[in-house]
Amino acid sequence: MSSKRTIWHFILVVLLRKYGPRWLEVRDEVPLSEERPRLDFLLLRKRLEGGAEDLGRTLRDLWRRLPLVTVAEFKSIGRPYRRRDLDQLWSYTHAYFRDASNGVKRRGDLCALLLVPTRTPSLDADAREMGLDWHDLENGYWMLTGGLFQMYMVELKVVAERRGDGLLRLLLDETEHTEEARRFWAELVGTKEAKMTMQELEGYEEVERRILAEIPPKRRLAGLAPAERLAGLTREEILLAFPDDELRRLPEDYLATFPEAIRESVKKRLGR
């Protein structure tokens, strides 16, 4: 729809409101959603020499199947697939094709891609209502036919397990990660600026907790200055971290400044 209204649109609105049935409510210039439509990802095939041999390091069975342009939607463990999300992906794909300025001339040059942790009953129900047929491409990859564009669906959990794609485990509710995935996470949080930005994102603390739980304490603290190692600890927690020999050297009047439960814990450790 053009951003500028025409006289013909105005005439039709008045006609419908004045001469349409009384039970009909006519609204014009209605936004489809309160949130401005945005594609999760737009994947563009570059024309590079030897590009066909480069399958990357993740989702390696996917890339050769994609045409020049792919409209991709990602449903995460934090915001899983909901009914009619497939309609949204189709609408974005059709809207992209309709815009002639994109340079996509044939329907075969454009496809839709849905990335989900696992295939769900709600996704199956939507595909069934649309008359789409599932074709198993094996190892977590699917093709859906019956629409006006080709569509692919990827089950990230299945791909991670069957193809050994450890990087994908960062997107899943996994308790074990590969060394490659942990290195990738370390790169993401390697700078203060990046970490500050990531800390504002939904789900950051959950992923960080799972990653840190896999790293031995000594390795986590390696390279940190003493003040950095103690950052965030309470006075009581710092005291209990002392070795037994150091605790024995502390004067009684100093220990008396701590709560009774802490003093009892110290006495128990020292056998007093």
C-alpha atoms as a PDB file:
ATOM      1  CA  MET A   1       0.000   0.000   0.000  1.00  0.00           C
ATOM      2  CA  SER A   2       1.291   3.441  -0.906  1.00  0.00           C
ATOM      3  CA  SER A   3       2.207   5.826   1.898  1.00  0.00           C
ATOM      4  CA  LYS A   4       0.049   8.504   0.230  1.00  0.00           C
ATOM      5  CA  ARG A   5      -3.722   8.147   0.151  1.00  0.00           C
ATOM      6  CA  THR A   6      -5.590   8.596  -3.142  1.00  0.00           C
ATOM      7  CA  ILE A   7      -8.986  10.153  -3.836  1.00  0.00           C
ATOM      8  CA  TRP A   8     -10.272   6.724  -4.923  1.00  0.00           C
ATOM      9  CA  HIS A   9      -9.468   5.201  -1.549  1.00  0.00           C
ATOM     10  CA  PHE A  10     -11.213   8.096   0.177  1.00  0.00           C
ATOM     11  CA  ILE A  11     -14.324   7.750  -2.009  1.00  0.00           C
ATOM     12  CA  LEU A  12     -14.549   4.013  -1.362  1.00  0.00           C
ATOM     13  CA  VAL A  13     -14.262   4.473   2.412  1.00  0.00           C
ATOM     14  CA  VAL A  14     -17.130   6.976   2.399  1.00  0.00           C
ATOM     15  CA  LEU A  15     -19.241   4.768   0.113  1.00  0.00           C
ATOM     16  CA  LEU A  16     -18.790   1.722   2.340  1.00  0.00           C
ATOM     17  CA  ARG A  17     -19.551   3.629   5.517  1.00  0.00           C
ATOM     18  CA  LYS A  18     -22.576   5.460   4.162  1.00  0.00           C
ATOM     19  CA  TYR A  19     -24.125   2.871   1.896  1.00  0.00           C
ATOM     20  CA  GLY A  20     -22.883  -0.410   3.310  1.00  0.00           C
ATOM     21  CA  PRO A  21     -25.046  -2.556   5.665  1.00  0.00           C
ATOM     22  CA  ARG A  22     -25.555  -1.206   9.166  1.00  0.00           C
ATOM     23  CA  TRP A  23     -23.876  -4.225  10.759  1.00  0.00           C
ATOM     24  CA  LEU A  24     -20.616  -3.526   8.874  1.00  0.00           C
ATOM     25  CA  GLU A  25     -17.855  -1.572  10.609  1.00  0.00           C
ATOM     26  CA  VAL A  26     -15.371  -0.018   8.175  1.00  0.00           C
ATOM     27  CA  ARG A  27     -11.887   0.913   9.332  1.00  0.00           C
ATOM     28  CA  ASP A  28      -9.267   2.326   6.989  1.00  0.00           C
ATOM     29  CA  GLU A  29      -5.463   2.677   7.072  1.00  0.00           C
ATOM     30  CA  VAL A  30      -5.278  -0.104   9.671  1.00  0.00           C
ATOM     31  CA  PRO A  31      -1.781  -1.303  10.665  1.00  0.00           C
ATOM     32  CA  LEU A  32      -1.454  -5.093  10.589  1.00  0.00           C
ATOM     33  CA  SER A  33       0.384  -5.171  13.903  1.00  0.00           C
ATOM     34  CA  GLU A  34       1.347  -2.858  16.733  1.00  0.00           C
ATOM     35  CA  GLU A  35       4.953  -3.899  16.066  1.00  0.00           C
ATOM     36  CA  ARG A  36       6.559  -2.976  12.785  1.00  0.00           C
ATOM     37  CA  PRO A  37       7.124  -6.133  10.685  1.00  0.00           C
ATOM     38  CA  ARG A  38      10.779  -7.186  10.615  1.00  0.00           C
ATOM     39  CA  LEU A  39      12.469 -10.242   9.191  1.00  0.00           C
ATOM     40  CA  ASP A  40      14.470 -12.268  11.698  1.00  0.00           C
ATOM     41  CA  PHE A  41      17.078 -12.998   9.039  1.00  0.00           C
ATOM     42  CA  LEU A  42      17.542 -12.397   5.331  1.00  0.00           C
ATOM     43  CA  LEU A  43      20.087 -14.796   3.821  1.00  0.00           C
ATOM     44  CA  LEU A  44      21.624 -13.653   0.527  1.00  0.00           C
ATOM     45  CA  ARG A  45      23.753 -15.906  -1.612  1.00  0.00           C
ATOM     46  CA  LYS A  46      26.936 -14.139  -2.696  1.00  0.00           C
ATOM     47  CA  ARG A  47      28.459 -14.848  -6.073  1.00  0.00           C
ATOM     48  CA  LEU A  48      31.898 -15.978  -4.970  1.00  0.00           C
ATOM     49  CA  GLU A  49      34.439 -18.234  -6.615  1.00  0.00           C
ATOM     50  CA  GLY A  50      34.449 -21.660  -4.996  1.00  0.00           C
ATOM     51  CA  GLY A  51      31.437 -20.762  -2.894  1.00  0.00           C
ATOM     52  CA  ALA A  52      29.703 -24.086  -3.496  1.00  0.00           C
ATOM     53  CA  GLU A  53      32.480 -25.948  -1.657  1.00  0.00           C
ATOM     54  CA  ASP A  54      32.244 -23.761   1.447  1.00  0.00           C
ATOM     55  CA  LEU A  55      29.698 -25.342   3.801  1.00  0.00           C
ATOM     56  CA  GLY A  56      30.702 -23.356   6.860  1.00  0.00           C
ATOM     57  CA  ARG A  57      31.015 -24.845  10.353  1.00  0.00           C
ATOM     58  CA  THR A  58      27.370 -25.039  11.374  1.00  0.00           C
ATOM     59  CA  LEU A  59      24.158 -26.223   9.663  1.00  0.00           C
ATOM     60  CA  ARG A  60      26.383 -27.704   6.981  1.00  0.00           C
ATOM     61  CA  ASP A  61      23.601 -29.699   5.273  1.00  0.00           C
ATOM     62  CA  LEU A  62      21.481 -26.597   4.704  1.00  0.00           C
ATOM     63  CA  TRP A  63      23.391 -24.087   2.636  1.00  0.00           C
ATOM     64  CA  ARG A  64      23.541 -25.857  -0.720  1.00  0.00           C
ATOM     65  CA  ARG A  65      19.746 -26.168  -0.746  1.00  0.00           C
ATOM     66  CA  LEU A  66      19.040 -22.445  -0.452  1.00  0.00           C
ATOM     67  CA  PRO A  67      18.354 -20.254  -3.527  1.00  0.00           C
ATOM     68  CA  LEU A  68      19.552 -16.686  -4.051  1.00  0.00           C
ATOM     69  CA  VAL A  69      17.436 -15.214  -1.240  1.00  0.00           C
ATOM     70  CA  THR A  70      16.015 -16.805   1.921  1.00  0.00           C
ATOM     71  CA  VAL A  71      13.564 -15.251   4.364  1.00  0.00           C
ATOM     72  CA  ALA A  72      14.302 -16.930   7.705  1.00  0.00           C
ATOM     73  CA  GLU A  73      12.392 -17.017  10.985  1.00  0.00           C
ATOM     74  CA  PHE A  74      13.907 -18.328  14.234  1.00  0.00           C
ATOM     75  CA  LYS A  75      11.856 -19.648  17.160  1.00  0.00           C
ATOM     76  CA  SER A  76      13.974 -20.026  20.302  1.00  0.00           C
ATOM     77  CA  ILE A  77      13.584 -21.918  23.578  1.00  0.00           C
ATOM     78  CA  GLY A  78      12.695 -18.573  25.164  1.00  0.00           C
ATOM     79  CA  ARG A  79      10.097 -17.713  22.538  1.00  0.00           C
ATOM     80  CA  PRO A  80       8.979 -21.029  21.022  1.00  0.00           C
ATOM     81  CA  TYR A  81       6.747 -21.629  18.025  1.00  0.00           C
ATOM     82  CA  ARG A  82       3.126 -20.544  18.463  1.00  0.00           C
ATOM     83  CA  ARG A  83       0.074 -21.165  16.339  1.00  0.00           C
ATOM     84  CA  ARG A  84       0.009 -19.047  13.156  1.00  0.00           C
ATOM     85  CA  ASP A  85       3.731 -18.280  13.259  1.00  0.00           C
ATOM     86  CA  LEU A  86       3.902 -20.141   9.956  1.00  0.00           C
ATOM     87  CA  ASP A  87       1.408 -17.642   8.528  1.00  0.00           C
ATOM     88  CA  GLN A  88       3.729 -14.846   9.601  1.00  0.00           C
ATOM     89  CA  LEU A  89       6.692 -16.423   7.817  1.00  0.00           C
ATOM     90  CA  TRP A  90       4.645 -16.884   4.646  1.00  0.00           C
ATOM     91  CA  SER A  91       3.414 -13.283   4.794  1.00  0.00           C
ATOM     92  CA  TYR A  92       6.961 -11.961   5.096  1.00  0.00           C
ATOM     93  CA  THR A  93       8.086 -14.128   2.168  1.00  0.00           C
ATOM     94  CA  HIS A  94       5.246 -12.952  -0.073  1.00  0.00           C
ATOM     95  CA  ALA A  95       5.787  -9.316   0.940  1.00  0.00           C
ATOM     96  CA  TYR A  96       9.476  -9.577   0.092  1.00  0.00           C
ATOM     97  CA  PHE A  97       8.708 -11.074  -3.316  1.00  0.00           C
ATOM     98  CA  ARG A  98       6.105  -8.422  -4.046  1.00  0.00           C
ATOM     99  CA  ASP A  99       8.702  -5.632  -3.654  1.00  0.00           C
ATOM    100  CA  ALA A 100      10.221  -5.422  -7.139  1.00  0.00           C
ATOM    101  CA  SER A 101      13.167  -3.385  -5.845  1.00  0.00           C
ATOM    102  CA  ASN A 102      14.571  -6.539  -4.184  1.00  0.00           C
ATOM    103  CA  GLY A 103      15.677  -7.854  -7.544  1.00  0.00           C
ATOM    104  CA  VAL A 104      14.070 -11.282  -7.077  1.00  0.00           C
ATOM    105  CA  LYS A 105      12.523 -12.039 -10.468  1.00  0.00           C
ATOM    106  CA  ARG A 106      11.468 -15.676 -10.130  1.00  0.00           C
ATOM    107  CA  ARG A 107       9.704 -17.470  -7.303  1.00  0.00           C
ATOM    108  CA  GLY A 108      12.388 -20.124  -7.468  1.00  0.00           C
ATOM    109  CA  ASP A 109      14.990 -17.531  -6.433  1.00  0.00           C
ATOM    110  CA  LEU A 110      13.287 -17.064  -3.061  1.00  0.00           C
ATOM    111  CA  CYS A 111      12.454 -19.490  -0.259  1.00  0.00           C
ATOM    112  CA  ALA A 112      11.299 -19.489   3.369  1.00  0.00           C
ATOM    113  CA  LEU A 113      13.248 -21.039   6.238  1.00  0.00           C
ATOM    114  CA  LEU A 114      12.009 -21.869   9.733  1.00  0.00           C
ATOM    115  CA  LEU A 115      14.514 -22.691  12.486  1.00  0.00           C
ATOM    116  CA  VAL A 116      13.073 -24.290  15.625  1.00  0.00           C
ATOM    117  CA  PRO A 117      14.522 -26.243  18.569  1.00  0.00           C
ATOM    118  CA  THR A 118      12.190 -29.169  17.777  1.00  0.00           C
ATOM    119  CA  ARG A 119       9.164 -29.907  15.636  1.00  0.00           C
ATOM    120  CA  THR A 120       5.999 -29.314  17.689  1.00  0.00           C
ATOM    121  CA  PRO A 121       2.299 -30.261  17.486  1.00  0.00           C
ATOM    122  CA  SER A 122       1.331 -26.616  16.915  1.00  0.00           C
ATOM    123  CA  LEU A 123       3.682 -26.419  13.915  1.00  0.00           C
ATOM    124  CA  ASP A 124       2.301 -29.690  12.556  1.00  0.00           C
ATOM    125  CA  ALA A 125      -1.259 -28.384  12.967  1.00  0.00           C
ATOM    126  CA  ASP A 126      -0.508 -25.170  11.055  1.00  0.00           C
ATOM    127  CA  ALA A 127       1.205 -27.051   8.229  1.00  0.00           C
ATOM    128  CA  ARG A 128      -1.715 -29.474   8.014  1.00  0.00           C
ATOM    129  CA  GLU A 129      -4.268 -26.651   7.795  1.00  0.00           C
ATOM    130  CA  MET A 130      -2.245 -25.090   4.976  1.00  0.00           C
ATOM    131  CA  GLY A 131      -2.119 -28.354   3.054  1.00  0.00           C
ATOM    132  CA  LEU A 132       1.677 -28.524   3.218  1.00  0.00           C
ATOM    133  CA  ASP A 133       3.497 -31.827   2.795  1.00  0.00           C
ATOM    134  CA  TRP A 134       6.544 -32.793   4.851  1.00  0.00           C
ATOM    135  CA  HIS A 135       9.581 -34.321   3.149  1.00  0.00           C
ATOM    136  CA  ASP A 136      12.304 -35.700   5.408  1.00  0.00           C
ATOM    137  CA  LEU A 137      15.752 -34.591   4.207  1.00  0.00           C
ATOM    138  CA  GLU A 138      17.273 -36.514   7.162  1.00  0.00           C
ATOM    139  CA  ASN A 139      19.244 -35.465  10.232  1.00  0.00           C
ATOM    140  CA  GLY A 140      16.829 -32.728  11.316  1.00  0.00           C
ATOM    141  CA  TYR A 141      16.242 -31.086   7.937  1.00  0.00           C
ATOM    142  CA  TRP A 142      12.790 -30.937   6.317  1.00  0.00           C
ATOM    143  CA  MET A 143      11.260 -29.530   3.144  1.00  0.00           C
ATOM    144  CA  LEU A 144       7.627 -28.396   3.053  1.00  0.00           C
ATOM    145  CA  THR A 145       5.892 -28.346  -0.305  1.00  0.00           C
ATOM    146  CA  GLY A 146       2.475 -27.094  -1.340  1.00  0.00           C
ATOM    147  CA  GLY A 147       3.039 -23.360  -0.957  1.00  0.00           C
ATOM    148  CA  LEU A 148       3.902 -20.816  -3.627  1.00  0.00           C
ATOM    149  CA  PHE A 149       7.510 -20.784  -2.446  1.00  0.00           C
ATOM    150  CA  GLN A 150       9.853 -23.523  -1.326  1.00  0.00           C
ATOM    151  CA  MET A 151      10.107 -23.835   2.436  1.00  0.00           C
ATOM    152  CA  TYR A 152      12.683 -25.544   4.631  1.00  0.00           C
ATOM    153  CA  MET A 153      12.505 -26.324   8.330  1.00  0.00           C
ATOM    154  CA  VAL A 154      15.420 -27.189  10.611  1.00  0.00           C
ATOM    155  CA  GLU A 155      15.129 -28.971  13.970  1.00  0.00           C
ATOM    156  CA  LEU A 156      18.182 -27.595  15.750  1.00  0.00           C
ATOM    157  CA  LYS A 157      18.223 -30.213  18.497  1.00  0.00           C
ATOM    158  CA  VAL A 158      18.227 -33.091  15.995  1.00  0.00           C
ATOM    159  CA  VAL A 159      20.946 -31.481  13.872  1.00  0.00           C
ATOM    160  CA  ALA A 160      23.102 -30.885  16.951  1.00  0.00           C
ATOM    161  CA  GLU A 161      22.802 -34.525  18.021  1.00  0.00           C
ATOM    162  CA  ARG A 162      23.009 -36.355  14.707  1.00  0.00           C
ATOM    163  CA  ARG A 163      25.526 -34.153  12.929  1.00  0.00           C
ATOM    164  CA  GLY A 164      27.661 -33.294  15.950  1.00  0.00           C
ATOM    165  CA  ASP A 165      26.979 -29.579  15.526  1.00  0.00           C
ATOM    166  CA  GLY A 166      28.176 -28.414  18.937  1.00  0.00           C
ATOM    167  CA  LEU A 167      27.756 -24.714  18.172  1.00  0.00           C
ATOM    168  CA  LEU A 168      23.987 -25.177  17.945  1.00  0.00           C
ATOM    169  CA  ARG A 169      23.882 -26.364  21.561  1.00  0.00           C
ATOM    170  CA  LEU A 170      24.224 -22.743  22.665  1.00  0.00           C
ATOM    171  CA  LEU A 171      20.706 -22.224  21.258  1.00  0.00           C
ATOM    172  CA  LEU A 172      19.244 -25.160  23.166  1.00  0.00           C
ATOM    173  CA  ASP A 173      18.518 -26.069  26.767  1.00  0.00           C
ATOM    174  CA  GLU A 174      21.654 -28.204  26.954  1.00  0.00           C
ATOM    175  CA  THR A 175      23.791 -28.968  29.996  1.00  0.00           C
ATOM    176  CA  GLU A 176      26.904 -29.993  28.085  1.00  0.00           C
ATOM    177  CA  HIS A 177      28.736 -27.956  25.457  1.00  0.00           C
ATOM    178  CA  THR A 178      31.692 -28.674  23.224  1.00  0.00           C
ATOM    179  CA  GLU A 179      35.008 -26.903  23.597  1.00  0.00           C
ATOM    180  CA  GLU A 180      34.280 -25.118  20.308  1.00  0.00           C
ATOM    181  CA  ALA A 181      30.982 -23.776  21.690  1.00  0.00           C
ATOM    182  CA  ARG A 182      32.670 -22.561  24.882  1.00  0.00           C
ATOM    183  CA  ARG A 183      35.371 -20.791  22.861  1.00  0.00           C
ATOM    184  CA  PHE A 184      32.672 -19.130  20.764  1.00  0.00           C
ATOM    185  CA  TRP A 185      30.921 -17.944  23.936  1.00  0.00           C
ATOM    186  CA  ALA A 186      34.215 -16.599  25.287  1.00  0.00           C
ATOM    187  CA  GLU A 187      34.671 -14.605  22.085  1.00  0.00           C
ATOM    188  CA  LEU A 188      31.175 -13.147  22.441  1.00  0.00           C
ATOM    189  CA  VAL A 189      31.841 -11.855  25.946  1.00  0.00           C
ATOM    190  CA  GLY A 190      35.502 -11.071  25.319  1.00  0.00           C
ATOM    191  CA  THR A 191      35.098  -7.306  25.477  1.00  0.00           C
ATOM    192  CA  LYS A 192      33.383  -5.178  28.109  1.00  0.00           C
ATOM    193  CA  GLU A 193      31.284  -3.424  25.477  1.00  0.00           C
ATOM    194  CA  ALA A 194      29.956  -6.666  24.015  1.00  0.00           C
ATOM    195  CA  LYS A 195      29.248  -8.163  27.425  1.00  0.00           C
ATOM    196  CA  MET A 196      27.354  -5.084  28.593  1.00  0.00           C
ATOM    197  CA  THR A 197      25.159  -5.267  25.474  1.00  0.00           C
ATOM    198  CA  MET A 198      24.575  -9.003  25.857  1.00  0.00           C
ATOM    199  CA  GLN A 199      23.675  -8.709  29.536  1.00  0.00           C
ATOM    200  CA  GLU A 200      20.613  -6.682  28.533  1.00  0.00           C
ATOM    201  CA  LEU A 201      19.296  -9.487  26.321  1.00  0.00           C
ATOM    202  CA  GLU A 202      16.636 -11.929  27.437  1.00  0.00           C
ATOM    203  CA  GLY A 203      18.123 -15.330  28.293  1.00  0.00           C
ATOM    204  CA  TYR A 204      21.718 -14.107  28.773  1.00  0.00           C
ATOM    205  CA  GLU A 205      21.974 -15.160  32.422  1.00  0.00           C
ATOM    206  CA  GLU A 206      20.609 -18.632  31.662  1.00  0.00           C
ATOM    207  CA  VAL A 207      23.170 -19.316  28.931  1.00  0.00           C
ATOM    208  CA  GLU A 208      26.009 -17.892  31.023  1.00  0.00           C
ATOM    209  CA  ARG A 209      24.997 -20.046  33.998  1.00  0.00           C
ATOM    210  CA  ARG A 210      25.028 -23.220  31.898  1.00  0.00           C
ATOM    211  CA  ILE A 211      28.395 -22.409  30.318  1.00  0.00           C
ATOM    212  CA  LEU A 212      30.103 -21.516  33.600  1.00  0.00           C
ATOM    213  CA  ALA A 213      28.760 -24.633  35.330  1.00  0.00           C
ATOM    214  CA  GLU A 214      30.836 -26.754  32.926  1.00  0.00           C
ATOM    215  CA  ILE A 215      34.121 -24.938  33.556  1.00  0.00           C
ATOM    216  CA  PRO A 216      36.247 -26.085  36.559  1.00  0.00           C
ATOM    217  CA  PRO A 217      36.534 -23.326  39.225  1.00  0.00           C
ATOM    218  CA  LYS A 218      40.337 -23.049  38.862  1.00  0.00           C
ATOM    219  CA  ARG A 219      40.013 -22.526  35.125  1.00  0.00           C
ATOM    220  CA  ARG A 220      37.291 -19.928  35.597  1.00  0.00           C
ATOM    221  CA  LEU A 221      39.498 -17.911  37.932  1.00  0.00           C
ATOM    222  CA  ALA A 222      42.686 -18.266  35.913  1.00  0.00           C
ATOM    223  CA  GLY A 223      44.121 -14.903  34.916  1.00  0.00           C
ATOM    224  CA  LEU A 224      41.903 -12.879  37.242  1.00  0.00           C
ATOM    225  CA  ALA A 225      43.419 -10.411  39.685  1.00  0.00           C
ATOM    226  CA  PRO A 226      42.726 -11.086  43.406  1.00  0.00           C
ATOM    227  CA  ALA A 227      40.206  -8.239  43.565  1.00  0.00           C
ATOM    228  CA  GLU A 228      38.379  -9.642  40.524  1.00  0.00           C
ATOM    229  CA  ARG A 229      38.191 -13.100  42.096  1.00  0.00           C
ATOM    230  CA  LEU A 230      36.539 -11.646  45.190  1.00  0.00           C
ATOM    231  CA  ALA A 231      34.190  -9.308  43.342  1.00  0.00           C
ATOM    232  CA  GLY A 232      30.577  -9.801  44.398  1.00  0.00           C
ATOM    233  CA  LEU A 233      31.378 -11.873  47.503  1.00  0.00           C
ATOM    234  CA  THR A 234      30.060 -10.814  50.902  1.00  0.00           C
ATOM    235  CA  ARG A 235      32.315 -10.340  53.899  1.00  0.00           C
ATOM    236  CA  GLU A 236      31.087 -13.649  55.321  1.00  0.00           C
ATOM    237  CA  GLU A 237      31.714 -15.526  52.055  1.00  0.00           C
ATOM    238  CA  ILE A 238      35.265 -14.174  51.877  1.00  0.00           C
ATOM    239  CA  LEU A 239      35.952 -15.327  55.447  1.00  0.00           C
ATOM    240  CA  LEU A 240      34.733 -18.858  54.748  1.00  0.00           C
ATOM    241  CA  ALA A 241      36.967 -18.996  51.669  1.00  0.00           C
ATOM    242  CA  PHE A 242      40.070 -18.650  53.858  1.00  0.00           C
ATOM    243  CA  PRO A 243      42.255 -21.782  54.256  1.00  0.00           C
ATOM    244  CA  ASP A 244      42.099 -23.363  57.720  1.00  0.00           C
ATOM    245  CA  ASP A 245      45.622 -22.226  58.584  1.00  0.00           C
ATOM    246  CA  GLU A 246      44.699 -18.615  57.879  1.00  0.00           C
ATOM    247  CA  LEU A 247      41.494 -18.886  59.890  1.00  0.00           C
ATOM    248  CA  ARG A 248      43.498 -20.040  62.946  1.00  0.00           C
ATOM    249  CA  ARG A 249      45.593 -16.889  62.760  1.00  0.00           C
ATOM    250  CA  LEU A 250      42.599 -14.567  62.955  1.00  0.00           C
ATOM    251  CA  PRO A 251      42.073 -12.960  66.389  1.00  0.00           C
ATOM    252  CA  GLU A 252      38.977 -13.939  68.357  1.00  0.00           C
ATOM    253  CA  ASP A 253      37.796 -10.356  68.666  1.00  0.00           C
ATOM    254  CA  TYR A 254      37.761 -10.107  64.857  1.00  0.00           C
ATOM    255  CA  LEU A 255      35.786 -13.348  64.472  1.00  0.00           C
ATOM    256  CA  ALA A 256      33.344 -12.016  67.044  1.00  0.00           C
ATOM    257  CA  THR A 257      32.226  -9.365  64.550  1.00  0.00           C
ATOM    258  CA  PHE A 258      30.626 -12.058  62.353  1.00  0.00           C
ATOM    259  CA  PRO A 259      27.154 -13.576  62.801  1.00  0.00           C
ATOM    260  CA  GLU A 260      26.867 -16.573  65.116  1.00  0.00           C
ATOM    261  CA  ALA A 261      26.180 -19.017  62.256  1.00  0.00           C
ATOM    262  CA  ILE A 262      29.443 -17.992  60.572  1.00  0.00           C
ATOM    263  CA  ARG A 263      31.405 -18.300  63.833  1.00  0.00           C
ATOM    264  CA  GLU A 264      29.993 -21.777  64.411  1.00  0.00           C
ATOM    265  CA  SER A 265      30.968 -22.813  60.903  1.00  0.00           C
ATOM    266  CA  VAL A 266      34.537 -21.619  61.512  1.00  0.00           C
ATOM    267  CA  LYS A 267      34.732 -23.448  64.831  1.00  0.00           C
ATOM    268  CA  LYS A 268      33.489 -26.652  63.250  1.00  0.00           C
ATOM    269  CA  ARG A 269      36.100 -26.462  60.504  1.00  0.00           C
ATOM    270  CA  LEU A 270      38.899 -25.844  63.042  1.00  0.00           C
ATOM    271  CA  GLY A 271      37.650 -28.504  65.477  1.00  0.00           C
ATOM    272  CA  ARG A 272      37.164 -26.061  68.318  1.00  0.00           C
END
